[in-house]
Amino acid sequence: MQPIRQVIHNAPEYIPIPTDLRHKTIELIIWPLGDDEPDTSLRPPRYRRAKVDKIDLPSREERNAR
């Protein structure tokens, strides 16, 4: 059986299940499509990042030298 994908532009209070899928194990995914605010976690940070040519990391022995 093929999955059913349906875009509902004005979602009703209840979503009807087709009769051939009733009383079976199904997966229902409700995914909002772009009506809400954009995800702010994908925006660049407000602080400025330093641009460097090279990062100088000491070796393990140099870091642990006492």
PDB file of N, CA and C in Angstrom:
ATOM      1  N   MET A   1       0.842  -1.176   0.000  1.00  0.00           N
ATOM      2  CA  MET A   1       0.000   0.000   0.000  1.00  0.00           C
ATOM      3  C   MET A   1       0.891   1.244   0.000  1.00  0.00           C
ATOM      4  N   GLN A   2       0.557   2.189  -0.795  1.00  0.00           N
ATOM      5  CA  GLN A   2       1.307   3.434  -0.892  1.00  0.00           C
ATOM      6  C   GLN A   2       0.892   4.396   0.224  1.00  0.00           C
ATOM      7  N   PRO A   3       1.854   5.133   0.776  1.00  0.00           N
ATOM      8  CA  PRO A   3       1.492   6.136   1.789  1.00  0.00           C
ATOM      9  C   PRO A   3       0.722   7.279   1.147  1.00  0.00           C
ATOM     10  N   ILE A   4      -0.084   7.914   1.946  1.00  0.00           N
ATOM     11  CA  ILE A   4      -0.889   9.045   1.480  1.00  0.00           C
ATOM     12  C   ILE A   4      -0.237  10.319   1.976  1.00  0.00           C
ATOM     13  N   ARG A   5       0.048  11.221   1.071  1.00  0.00           N
ATOM     14  CA  ARG A   5       0.575  12.525   1.458  1.00  0.00           C
ATOM     15  C   ARG A   5      -0.414  13.565   0.989  1.00  0.00           C
ATOM     16  N   GLN A   6      -0.900  14.361   1.919  1.00  0.00           N
ATOM     17  CA  GLN A   6      -1.921  15.337   1.585  1.00  0.00           C
ATOM     18  C   GLN A   6      -1.591  16.640   2.298  1.00  0.00           C
ATOM     19  N   VAL A   7      -1.578  17.728   1.557  1.00  0.00           N
ATOM     20  CA  VAL A   7      -1.355  19.048   2.136  1.00  0.00           C
ATOM     21  C   VAL A   7      -2.723  19.668   2.392  1.00  0.00           C
ATOM     22  N   ILE A   8      -2.961  20.059   3.630  1.00  0.00           N
ATOM     23  CA  ILE A   8      -4.227  20.683   4.016  1.00  0.00           C
ATOM     24  C   ILE A   8      -3.933  22.146   4.296  1.00  0.00           C
ATOM     25  N   HIS A   9      -4.515  23.042   3.506  1.00  0.00           N
ATOM     26  CA  HIS A   9      -4.208  24.468   3.632  1.00  0.00           C
ATOM     27  C   HIS A   9      -4.921  25.128   4.812  1.00  0.00           C
ATOM     28  N   ASN A  10      -6.108  24.682   5.128  1.00  0.00           N
ATOM     29  CA  ASN A  10      -6.831  25.227   6.278  1.00  0.00           C
ATOM     30  C   ASN A  10      -7.247  24.041   7.137  1.00  0.00           C
ATOM     31  N   ALA A  11      -6.383  23.656   8.073  1.00  0.00           N
ATOM     32  CA  ALA A  11      -6.582  22.430   8.834  1.00  0.00           C
ATOM     33  C   ALA A  11      -7.869  22.484   9.648  1.00  0.00           C
ATOM     34  N   PRO A  12      -8.686  21.429   9.530  1.00  0.00           N
ATOM     35  CA  PRO A  12      -9.904  21.371  10.340  1.00  0.00           C
ATOM     36  C   PRO A  12      -9.577  20.953  11.766  1.00  0.00           C
ATOM     37  N   GLU A  13     -10.598  20.931  12.603  1.00  0.00           N
ATOM     38  CA  GLU A  13     -10.393  20.535  13.988  1.00  0.00           C
ATOM     39  C   GLU A  13     -10.058  19.049  14.089  1.00  0.00           C
ATOM     40  N   TYR A  14     -10.606  18.240  13.208  1.00  0.00           N
ATOM     41  CA  TYR A  14     -10.343  16.800  13.171  1.00  0.00           C
ATOM     42  C   TYR A  14      -9.936  16.408  11.759  1.00  0.00           C
ATOM     43  N   ILE A  15      -9.017  15.456  11.642  1.00  0.00           N
ATOM     44  CA  ILE A  15      -8.564  14.974  10.343  1.00  0.00           C
ATOM     45  C   ILE A  15      -9.134  13.570  10.142  1.00  0.00           C
ATOM     46  N   PRO A  16      -9.923  13.361   9.086  1.00  0.00           N
ATOM     47  CA  PRO A  16     -10.515  12.040   8.872  1.00  0.00           C
ATOM     48  C   PRO A  16      -9.472  11.023   8.403  1.00  0.00           C
ATOM     49  N   ILE A  17      -9.615   9.786   8.847  1.00  0.00           N
ATOM     50  CA  ILE A  17      -8.747   8.684   8.446  1.00  0.00           C
ATOM     51  C   ILE A  17      -9.495   7.891   7.365  1.00  0.00           C
ATOM     52  N   PRO A  18      -8.852   7.590   6.232  1.00  0.00           N
ATOM     53  CA  PRO A  18      -9.527   6.802   5.193  1.00  0.00           C
ATOM     54  C   PRO A  18      -9.988   5.451   5.742  1.00  0.00           C
ATOM     55  N   THR A  19     -11.092   4.947   5.209  1.00  0.00           N
ATOM     56  CA  THR A  19     -11.683   3.720   5.742  1.00  0.00           C
ATOM     57  C   THR A  19     -10.758   2.515   5.597  1.00  0.00           C
ATOM     58  N   ASP A  20      -9.942   2.451   4.534  1.00  0.00           N
ATOM     59  CA  ASP A  20      -9.058   1.293   4.375  1.00  0.00           C
ATOM     60  C   ASP A  20      -7.879   1.317   5.350  1.00  0.00           C
ATOM     61  N   LEU A  21      -7.644   2.433   6.059  1.00  0.00           N
ATOM     62  CA  LEU A  21      -6.566   2.517   7.048  1.00  0.00           C
ATOM     63  C   LEU A  21      -7.076   2.418   8.488  1.00  0.00           C
ATOM     64  N   ARG A  22      -8.363   2.421   8.682  1.00  0.00           N
ATOM     65  CA  ARG A  22      -8.918   2.355  10.036  1.00  0.00           C
ATOM     66  C   ARG A  22      -8.659   0.987  10.650  1.00  0.00           C
ATOM     67  N   HIS A  23      -8.430   0.978  11.938  1.00  0.00           N
ATOM     68  CA  HIS A  23      -8.188  -0.230  12.737  1.00  0.00           C
ATOM     69  C   HIS A  23      -6.919  -0.948  12.300  1.00  0.00           C
ATOM     70  N   LYS A  24      -5.932  -0.194  11.801  1.00  0.00           N
ATOM     71  CA  LYS A  24      -4.622  -0.730  11.445  1.00  0.00           C
ATOM     72  C   LYS A  24      -3.566   0.090  12.167  1.00  0.00           C
ATOM     73  N   THR A  25      -2.358  -0.427  12.221  1.00  0.00           N
ATOM     74  CA  THR A  25      -1.251   0.337  12.781  1.00  0.00           C
ATOM     75  C   THR A  25      -0.771   1.312  11.718  1.00  0.00           C
ATOM     76  N   ILE A  26      -0.825   2.589  12.024  1.00  0.00           N
ATOM     77  CA  ILE A  26      -0.410   3.623  11.072  1.00  0.00           C
ATOM     78  C   ILE A  26       0.527   4.597  11.764  1.00  0.00           C
ATOM     79  N   GLU A  27       1.215   5.398  10.969  1.00  0.00           N
ATOM     80  CA  GLU A  27       2.048   6.481  11.491  1.00  0.00           C
ATOM     81  C   GLU A  27       1.495   7.771  10.924  1.00  0.00           C
ATOM     82  N   LEU A  28       1.155   8.689  11.792  1.00  0.00           N
ATOM     83  CA  LEU A  28       0.615   9.976  11.381  1.00  0.00           C
ATOM     84  C   LEU A  28       1.627  11.044  11.762  1.00  0.00           C
ATOM     85  N   ILE A  29       2.110  11.781  10.781  1.00  0.00           N
ATOM     86  CA  ILE A  29       3.084  12.847  11.028  1.00  0.00           C
ATOM     87  C   ILE A  29       2.409  14.165  10.657  1.00  0.00           C
ATOM     88  N   ILE A  30       2.351  15.066  11.604  1.00  0.00           N
ATOM     89  CA  ILE A  30       1.785  16.395  11.345  1.00  0.00           C
ATOM     90  C   ILE A  30       2.945  17.376  11.338  1.00  0.00           C
ATOM     91  N   TRP A  31       3.168  18.006  10.191  1.00  0.00           N
ATOM     92  CA  TRP A  31       4.321  18.862   9.976  1.00  0.00           C
ATOM     93  C   TRP A  31       3.830  20.208   9.452  1.00  0.00           C
ATOM     94  N   PRO A  32       3.999  21.294  10.210  1.00  0.00           N
ATOM     95  CA  PRO A  32       3.567  22.602   9.714  1.00  0.00           C
ATOM     96  C   PRO A  32       4.438  23.049   8.541  1.00  0.00           C
ATOM     97  N   LEU A  33       3.818  23.644   7.532  1.00  0.00           N
ATOM     98  CA  LEU A  33       4.523  24.019   6.306  1.00  0.00           C
ATOM     99  C   LEU A  33       4.672  25.534   6.192  1.00  0.00           C
ATOM    100  N   GLY A  34       5.670  26.097   6.833  1.00  0.00           N
ATOM    101  CA  GLY A  34       6.095  27.466   6.604  1.00  0.00           C
ATOM    102  C   GLY A  34       5.168  28.579   7.027  1.00  0.00           C
ATOM    103  N   ASP A  35       4.172  28.322   7.832  1.00  0.00           N
ATOM    104  CA  ASP A  35       3.298  29.403   8.273  1.00  0.00           C
ATOM    105  C   ASP A  35       3.838  30.126   9.496  1.00  0.00           C
ATOM    106  N   ASP A  36       4.777  29.498  10.193  1.00  0.00           N
ATOM    107  CA  ASP A  36       5.278  30.072  11.438  1.00  0.00           C
ATOM    108  C   ASP A  36       6.579  30.839  11.204  1.00  0.00           C
ATOM    109  N   GLU A  37       7.150  31.322  12.266  1.00  0.00           N
ATOM    110  CA  GLU A  37       8.394  32.090  12.209  1.00  0.00           C
ATOM    111  C   GLU A  37       9.545  31.218  11.702  1.00  0.00           C
ATOM    112  N   PRO A  38      10.489  31.786  10.974  1.00  0.00           N
ATOM    113  CA  PRO A  38      11.649  30.997  10.554  1.00  0.00           C
ATOM    114  C   PRO A  38      12.493  30.574  11.749  1.00  0.00           C
ATOM    115  N   ASP A  39      13.208  29.487  11.587  1.00  0.00           N
ATOM    116  CA  ASP A  39      14.043  28.948  12.662  1.00  0.00           C
ATOM    117  C   ASP A  39      15.217  29.886  12.910  1.00  0.00           C
ATOM    118  N   THR A  40      15.279  30.450  14.120  1.00  0.00           N
ATOM    119  CA  THR A  40      16.335  31.423  14.435  1.00  0.00           C
ATOM    120  C   THR A  40      17.668  30.751  14.726  1.00  0.00           C
ATOM    121  N   SER A  41      17.667  29.437  14.940  1.00  0.00           N
ATOM    122  CA  SER A  41      18.932  28.765  15.225  1.00  0.00           C
ATOM    123  C   SER A  41      19.816  28.681  13.988  1.00  0.00           C
ATOM    124  N   LEU A  42      19.258  28.881  12.810  1.00  0.00           N
ATOM    125  CA  LEU A  42      20.037  28.818  11.585  1.00  0.00           C
ATOM    126  C   LEU A  42      20.624  30.172  11.194  1.00  0.00           C
ATOM    127  N   ARG A  43      20.250  31.217  11.887  1.00  0.00           N
ATOM    128  CA  ARG A  43      20.785  32.536  11.598  1.00  0.00           C
ATOM    129  C   ARG A  43      22.223  32.638  12.082  1.00  0.00           C
ATOM    130  N   PRO A  44      23.042  33.467  11.426  1.00  0.00           N
ATOM    131  CA  PRO A  44      24.412  33.653  11.926  1.00  0.00           C
ATOM    132  C   PRO A  44      24.384  34.335  13.292  1.00  0.00           C
ATOM    133  N   PRO A  45      25.382  34.084  14.128  1.00  0.00           N
ATOM    134  CA  PRO A  45      25.391  34.686  15.466  1.00  0.00           C
ATOM    135  C   PRO A  45      25.548  36.205  15.377  1.00  0.00           C
ATOM    136  N   ARG A  46      25.097  36.888  16.428  1.00  0.00           N
ATOM    137  CA  ARG A  46      25.179  38.351  16.445  1.00  0.00           C
ATOM    138  C   ARG A  46      26.582  38.859  16.751  1.00  0.00           C
ATOM    139  N   TYR A  47      27.393  38.019  17.385  1.00  0.00           N
ATOM    140  CA  TYR A  47      28.757  38.442  17.718  1.00  0.00           C
ATOM    141  C   TYR A  47      29.655  38.267  16.486  1.00  0.00           C
ATOM    142  N   ARG A  48      30.770  38.952  16.478  1.00  0.00           N
ATOM    143  CA  ARG A  48      31.692  38.885  15.351  1.00  0.00           C
ATOM    144  C   ARG A  48      32.725  37.800  15.594  1.00  0.00           C
ATOM    145  N   ARG A  49      33.032  37.065  14.584  1.00  0.00           N
ATOM    146  CA  ARG A  49      34.050  36.025  14.676  1.00  0.00           C
ATOM    147  C   ARG A  49      35.345  36.554  14.096  1.00  0.00           C
ATOM    148  N   ALA A  50      36.446  36.208  14.748  1.00  0.00           N
ATOM    149  CA  ALA A  50      37.754  36.634  14.258  1.00  0.00           C
ATOM    150  C   ALA A  50      38.174  35.733  13.103  1.00  0.00           C
ATOM    151  N   LYS A  51      38.667  36.324  12.066  1.00  0.00           N
ATOM    152  CA  LYS A  51      39.163  35.557  10.924  1.00  0.00           C
ATOM    153  C   LYS A  51      40.669  35.417  11.074  1.00  0.00           C
ATOM    154  N   VAL A  52      41.149  34.186  11.152  1.00  0.00           N
ATOM    155  CA  VAL A  52      42.569  33.922  11.312  1.00  0.00           C
ATOM    156  C   VAL A  52      43.035  33.021  10.177  1.00  0.00           C
ATOM    157  N   ASP A  53      44.323  33.124   9.849  1.00  0.00           N
ATOM    158  CA  ASP A  53      44.884  32.287   8.795  1.00  0.00           C
ATOM    159  C   ASP A  53      45.262  30.902   9.306  1.00  0.00           C
ATOM    160  N   LYS A  54      45.718  30.834  10.564  1.00  0.00           N
ATOM    161  CA  LYS A  54      46.206  29.566  11.088  1.00  0.00           C
ATOM    162  C   LYS A  54      45.926  29.500  12.578  1.00  0.00           C
ATOM    163  N   ILE A  55      45.574  28.323  13.049  1.00  0.00           N
ATOM    164  CA  ILE A  55      45.399  28.087  14.478  1.00  0.00           C
ATOM    165  C   ILE A  55      46.596  27.277  14.940  1.00  0.00           C
ATOM    166  N   ASP A  56      47.318  27.817  15.895  1.00  0.00           N
ATOM    167  CA  ASP A  56      48.532  27.175  16.385  1.00  0.00           C
ATOM    168  C   ASP A  56      48.203  26.405  17.659  1.00  0.00           C
ATOM    169  N   LEU A  57      48.161  25.071  17.547  1.00  0.00           N
ATOM    170  CA  LEU A  57      47.898  24.223  18.700  1.00  0.00           C
ATOM    171  C   LEU A  57      49.183  23.523  19.113  1.00  0.00           C
ATOM    172  N   PRO A  58      49.532  23.608  20.370  1.00  0.00           N
ATOM    173  CA  PRO A  58      50.731  22.890  20.815  1.00  0.00           C
ATOM    174  C   PRO A  58      50.457  21.383  20.825  1.00  0.00           C
ATOM    175  N   SER A  59      51.516  20.616  20.737  1.00  0.00           N
ATOM    176  CA  SER A  59      51.371  19.157  20.763  1.00  0.00           C
ATOM    177  C   SER A  59      50.966  18.692  22.158  1.00  0.00           C
ATOM    178  N   ARG A  60      50.629  17.448  22.270  1.00  0.00           N
ATOM    179  CA  ARG A  60      50.232  16.896  23.562  1.00  0.00           C
ATOM    180  C   ARG A  60      51.361  17.007  24.560  1.00  0.00           C
ATOM    181  N   GLU A  61      52.575  16.736  24.129  1.00  0.00           N
ATOM    182  CA  GLU A  61      53.707  16.826  25.033  1.00  0.00           C
ATOM    183  C   GLU A  61      53.935  18.260  25.500  1.00  0.00           C
ATOM    184  N   GLU A  62      53.792  19.235  24.605  1.00  0.00           N
ATOM    185  CA  GLU A  62      53.973  20.640  24.988  1.00  0.00           C
ATOM    186  C   GLU A  62      52.864  21.085  25.940  1.00  0.00           C
ATOM    187  N   ARG A  63      51.648  20.609  25.736  1.00  0.00           N
ATOM    188  CA  ARG A  63      50.544  20.999  26.634  1.00  0.00           C
ATOM    189  C   ARG A  63      50.729  20.400  28.017  1.00  0.00           C
ATOM    190  N   ASN A  64      51.285  19.187  28.099  1.00  0.00           N
ATOM    191  CA  ASN A  64      51.393  18.501  29.378  1.00  0.00           C
ATOM    192  C   ASN A  64      52.755  18.663  30.041  1.00  0.00           C
ATOM    193  N   ALA A  65      53.630  19.456  29.455  1.00  0.00           N
ATOM    194  CA  ALA A  65      54.965  19.656  30.048  1.00  0.00           C
ATOM    195  C   ALA A  65      54.800  20.445  31.349  1.00  0.00           C
ATOM    196  N   ARG A  66      55.600  20.024  32.366  1.00  0.00           N
ATOM    197  CA  ARG A  66      55.515  20.727  33.654  1.00  0.00           C
ATOM    198  C   ARG A  66      56.807  21.325  34.018  1.00  0.00           C
TER     199      ARG A  66
END
